[in-house]
């Protein structure tokens, strides 16, 4: 009968555990992007319309969310004096 090979040897933790476990902040640009679109909008659409939207977004090389944001911004531009 053959013996099973030993899986792995024990590995040691790095000396500086605090540095290894320190939570890193995301880059400034990522934080801005995350906060830029903080509200969610949910709508009901037919499966056919959803498929057409996804195909169009793929053909344009953008995400569905990005394409719909642009469409909403064009349809509902900001008022010049601030909020409406």
N, C-alpha and C. Protein backbone atom coordinates (compact mmCIF):
# COMPACT_ATOMS: atom_id res chain seq x y z
N UNK A 1 0.83 -1.18 0.00
CA UNK A 1 0.00 0.00 0.00
C UNK A 1 0.88 1.25 0.00
N UNK A 2 0.46 2.26 -0.74
CA UNK A 2 1.26 3.48 -0.81
C UNK A 2 0.81 4.48 0.23
N UNK A 3 1.75 5.26 0.66
CA UNK A 3 1.44 6.30 1.63
C UNK A 3 0.99 7.56 0.92
N UNK A 4 0.09 8.25 1.56
CA UNK A 4 -0.35 9.54 1.03
C UNK A 4 0.74 10.57 1.22
N UNK A 5 1.01 11.38 0.20
CA UNK A 5 2.02 12.42 0.40
C UNK A 5 1.52 13.48 1.37
N UNK A 6 2.43 14.04 2.08
CA UNK A 6 2.09 15.08 3.03
C UNK A 6 1.58 16.30 2.28
N UNK A 7 0.46 16.87 2.72
CA UNK A 7 -0.17 17.98 1.99
C UNK A 7 0.72 19.21 1.91
N UNK A 8 0.86 19.91 2.97
CA UNK A 8 1.72 21.10 2.99
C UNK A 8 2.37 21.22 4.36
N UNK A 9 3.42 21.94 4.37
CA UNK A 9 4.07 22.21 5.64
C UNK A 9 3.42 23.43 6.27
N UNK A 10 3.60 23.56 7.54
CA UNK A 10 3.04 24.72 8.24
C UNK A 10 3.71 25.99 7.75
N UNK A 11 2.91 27.01 7.59
CA UNK A 11 3.44 28.30 7.18
C UNK A 11 3.32 29.25 8.36
N UNK A 12 4.30 30.10 8.49
CA UNK A 12 4.33 31.02 9.62
C UNK A 12 3.70 32.35 9.24
N UNK A 13 3.07 32.98 10.22
CA UNK A 13 2.48 34.29 10.02
C UNK A 13 3.59 35.32 9.89
N UNK A 14 3.32 36.41 9.18
CA UNK A 14 4.33 37.47 9.10
C UNK A 14 4.54 38.09 10.47
N UNK A 15 5.68 38.66 10.65
CA UNK A 15 6.03 39.24 11.95
C UNK A 15 5.11 40.41 12.29
N UNK A 16 4.83 41.27 11.33
CA UNK A 16 4.02 42.46 11.56
C UNK A 16 2.54 42.15 11.30
N UNK A 17 1.86 41.61 12.29
CA UNK A 17 0.46 41.23 12.13
C UNK A 17 -0.43 42.44 11.96
N UNK A 18 -0.14 43.55 12.65
CA UNK A 18 -0.97 44.75 12.53
C UNK A 18 -0.99 45.27 11.11
N UNK A 19 0.16 45.26 10.46
CA UNK A 19 0.23 45.74 9.08
C UNK A 19 -0.57 44.83 8.15
N UNK A 20 -0.53 43.56 8.43
CA UNK A 20 -1.22 42.59 7.59
C UNK A 20 -2.74 42.70 7.74
N UNK A 21 -3.21 43.00 8.94
CA UNK A 21 -4.65 43.03 9.19
C UNK A 21 -5.25 44.43 9.11
N UNK A 22 -4.43 45.43 8.90
CA UNK A 22 -4.92 46.81 8.85
C UNK A 22 -5.87 46.98 7.67
N UNK A 23 -7.00 47.57 7.93
CA UNK A 23 -7.98 47.79 6.87
C UNK A 23 -7.52 48.94 5.98
N UNK A 24 -7.48 48.68 4.70
CA UNK A 24 -7.04 49.71 3.77
C UNK A 24 -8.23 50.52 3.29
N UNK A 25 -8.02 51.82 3.13
CA UNK A 25 -9.06 52.68 2.60
C UNK A 25 -9.07 52.55 1.08
N UNK A 26 -10.26 52.56 0.48
CA UNK A 26 -10.30 52.52 -0.98
C UNK A 26 -9.73 53.82 -1.55
N UNK A 27 -9.26 53.79 -2.78
CA UNK A 27 -8.74 55.02 -3.39
C UNK A 27 -9.81 56.11 -3.41
N UNK A 28 -9.37 57.35 -3.41
CA UNK A 28 -10.28 58.49 -3.36
C UNK A 28 -11.30 58.45 -4.50
N UNK A 29 -10.86 58.09 -5.68
CA UNK A 29 -11.75 58.05 -6.84
C UNK A 29 -12.85 57.00 -6.63
N UNK A 30 -12.51 55.86 -6.07
CA UNK A 30 -13.51 54.82 -5.83
C UNK A 30 -14.53 55.28 -4.80
N UNK A 31 -14.08 56.00 -3.76
CA UNK A 31 -15.03 56.51 -2.76
C UNK A 31 -15.99 57.50 -3.37
N UNK A 32 -15.46 58.39 -4.24
CA UNK A 32 -16.31 59.37 -4.89
C UNK A 32 -17.34 58.68 -5.78
N UNK A 33 -16.91 57.69 -6.51
CA UNK A 33 -17.80 56.98 -7.43
C UNK A 33 -18.91 56.27 -6.66
N UNK A 34 -18.55 55.66 -5.53
CA UNK A 34 -19.53 54.94 -4.74
C UNK A 34 -20.60 55.88 -4.19
N UNK A 35 -20.21 57.09 -3.79
CA UNK A 35 -21.15 58.04 -3.21
C UNK A 35 -21.93 58.81 -4.27
N UNK A 36 -21.45 58.83 -5.50
CA UNK A 36 -22.09 59.61 -6.54
C UNK A 36 -23.49 59.10 -6.86
N UNK A 37 -23.70 57.81 -6.78
CA UNK A 37 -24.99 57.23 -7.12
C UNK A 37 -25.48 56.41 -5.93
N UNK A 38 -25.94 57.11 -4.90
CA UNK A 38 -26.30 56.41 -3.68
C UNK A 38 -27.77 56.00 -3.62
N UNK A 39 -28.63 56.57 -4.47
CA UNK A 39 -30.05 56.22 -4.44
C UNK A 39 -30.33 55.11 -5.45
N UNK A 40 -31.22 54.23 -5.11
CA UNK A 40 -31.60 53.14 -6.01
C UNK A 40 -32.98 53.42 -6.59
N UNK A 41 -33.16 53.00 -7.83
CA UNK A 41 -34.43 53.15 -8.52
C UNK A 41 -34.81 51.79 -9.06
N UNK A 42 -35.99 51.32 -8.71
CA UNK A 42 -36.45 50.01 -9.16
C UNK A 42 -37.67 50.20 -10.04
N UNK A 43 -37.63 49.57 -11.23
CA UNK A 43 -38.76 49.65 -12.15
C UNK A 43 -39.08 48.25 -12.66
N UNK A 44 -40.31 48.04 -13.05
CA UNK A 44 -40.72 46.77 -13.65
C UNK A 44 -40.71 46.92 -15.16
N UNK A 45 -40.01 46.02 -15.84
CA UNK A 45 -39.98 46.02 -17.30
C UNK A 45 -40.20 44.59 -17.79
N UNK A 46 -40.58 44.48 -19.04
CA UNK A 46 -40.81 43.15 -19.62
C UNK A 46 -39.46 42.48 -19.89
N UNK A 47 -39.44 41.17 -19.92
CA UNK A 47 -38.20 40.46 -20.25
C UNK A 47 -37.66 40.84 -21.63
N UNK A 48 -38.56 41.13 -22.59
CA UNK A 48 -38.13 41.53 -23.92
C UNK A 48 -37.39 42.87 -23.89
N UNK A 49 -37.94 43.83 -23.15
CA UNK A 49 -37.29 45.14 -23.04
C UNK A 49 -35.95 45.02 -22.32
N UNK A 50 -35.91 44.21 -21.29
CA UNK A 50 -34.65 43.99 -20.56
C UNK A 50 -33.59 43.43 -21.48
N UNK A 51 -33.97 42.48 -22.31
CA UNK A 51 -33.02 41.89 -23.25
C UNK A 51 -32.52 42.92 -24.25
N UNK A 52 -33.43 43.76 -24.76
CA UNK A 52 -33.02 44.80 -25.72
C UNK A 52 -32.06 45.80 -25.08
N UNK A 53 -32.33 46.17 -23.83
CA UNK A 53 -31.46 47.11 -23.12
C UNK A 53 -30.07 46.50 -22.94
N UNK A 54 -30.02 45.23 -22.53
CA UNK A 54 -28.74 44.57 -22.31
C UNK A 54 -27.94 44.44 -23.61
N UNK A 55 -28.61 44.10 -24.70
CA UNK A 55 -27.93 43.97 -25.99
C UNK A 55 -27.38 45.31 -26.44
N UNK A 56 -28.19 46.36 -26.30
CA UNK A 56 -27.74 47.70 -26.70
C UNK A 56 -26.54 48.14 -25.88
N UNK A 57 -26.58 47.91 -24.58
CA UNK A 57 -25.46 48.28 -23.71
C UNK A 57 -24.20 47.51 -24.11
N UNK A 58 -24.35 46.23 -24.40
CA UNK A 58 -23.21 45.42 -24.82
C UNK A 58 -22.61 45.93 -26.12
N UNK A 59 -23.49 46.28 -27.07
CA UNK A 59 -23.01 46.79 -28.36
C UNK A 59 -22.26 48.11 -28.20
N UNK A 60 -22.67 48.92 -27.24
CA UNK A 60 -22.01 50.21 -27.00
C UNK A 60 -20.78 50.06 -26.12
N UNK A 61 -20.60 48.90 -25.53
CA UNK A 61 -19.44 48.67 -24.68
C UNK A 61 -19.53 49.31 -23.31
N UNK A 62 -20.75 49.46 -22.80
CA UNK A 62 -20.95 50.05 -21.48
C UNK A 62 -21.84 49.13 -20.66
N UNK A 63 -21.94 49.42 -19.38
CA UNK A 63 -22.84 48.64 -18.53
C UNK A 63 -24.27 49.16 -18.69
N UNK A 64 -25.21 48.32 -18.33
CA UNK A 64 -26.62 48.71 -18.39
C UNK A 64 -26.87 49.89 -17.46
N UNK A 65 -26.31 49.86 -16.27
CA UNK A 65 -26.52 50.94 -15.30
C UNK A 65 -25.99 52.27 -15.84
N UNK A 66 -24.80 52.23 -16.43
CA UNK A 66 -24.20 53.46 -16.98
C UNK A 66 -25.06 54.01 -18.11
N UNK A 67 -25.50 53.13 -19.01
CA UNK A 67 -26.31 53.57 -20.14
C UNK A 67 -27.64 54.18 -19.67
N UNK A 68 -28.26 53.57 -18.69
CA UNK A 68 -29.53 54.10 -18.18
C UNK A 68 -29.34 55.40 -17.42
N UNK A 69 -28.21 55.55 -16.71
CA UNK A 69 -27.93 56.84 -16.05
C UNK A 69 -27.82 57.96 -17.07
N UNK A 70 -27.09 57.69 -18.17
CA UNK A 70 -26.97 58.71 -19.22
C UNK A 70 -28.32 59.06 -19.81
N UNK A 71 -29.14 58.05 -20.05
CA UNK A 71 -30.47 58.28 -20.61
C UNK A 71 -31.32 59.14 -19.67
N UNK A 72 -31.26 58.84 -18.38
CA UNK A 72 -32.04 59.62 -17.41
C UNK A 72 -31.51 61.05 -17.30
N UNK A 73 -30.19 61.22 -17.36
CA UNK A 73 -29.63 62.57 -17.30
C UNK A 73 -30.02 63.40 -18.52
N UNK A 74 -30.10 62.78 -19.69
CA UNK A 74 -30.53 63.49 -20.90
C UNK A 74 -32.01 63.84 -20.83
N UNK A 75 -32.80 62.92 -20.30
CA UNK A 75 -34.24 63.13 -20.23
C UNK A 75 -34.62 64.14 -19.16
N UNK A 76 -33.91 64.10 -18.04
CA UNK A 76 -34.21 65.00 -16.92
C UNK A 76 -32.96 65.81 -16.57
N UNK A 77 -32.65 66.85 -17.36
CA UNK A 77 -31.44 67.65 -17.08
C UNK A 77 -31.61 68.44 -15.78
N UNK A 78 -30.49 68.84 -15.22
CA UNK A 78 -30.52 69.64 -13.99
C UNK A 78 -31.09 71.01 -14.29
N UNK A 79 -31.84 71.53 -13.34
CA UNK A 79 -32.38 72.88 -13.48
C UNK A 79 -31.23 73.87 -13.29
N UNK A 80 -31.28 74.99 -13.97
CA UNK A 80 -30.18 75.96 -13.91
C UNK A 80 -30.08 76.64 -12.56
N UNK A 81 -31.17 76.84 -11.89
CA UNK A 81 -31.16 77.55 -10.61
C UNK A 81 -30.97 76.64 -9.41
N UNK A 82 -30.62 75.41 -9.61
CA UNK A 82 -30.48 74.48 -8.49
C UNK A 82 -31.52 73.38 -8.60
N UNK A 83 -32.19 73.12 -7.49
CA UNK A 83 -33.22 72.07 -7.49
C UNK A 83 -34.51 72.56 -8.10
N UNK A 84 -35.27 71.65 -8.61
CA UNK A 84 -36.60 71.98 -9.14
C UNK A 84 -37.65 71.79 -8.09
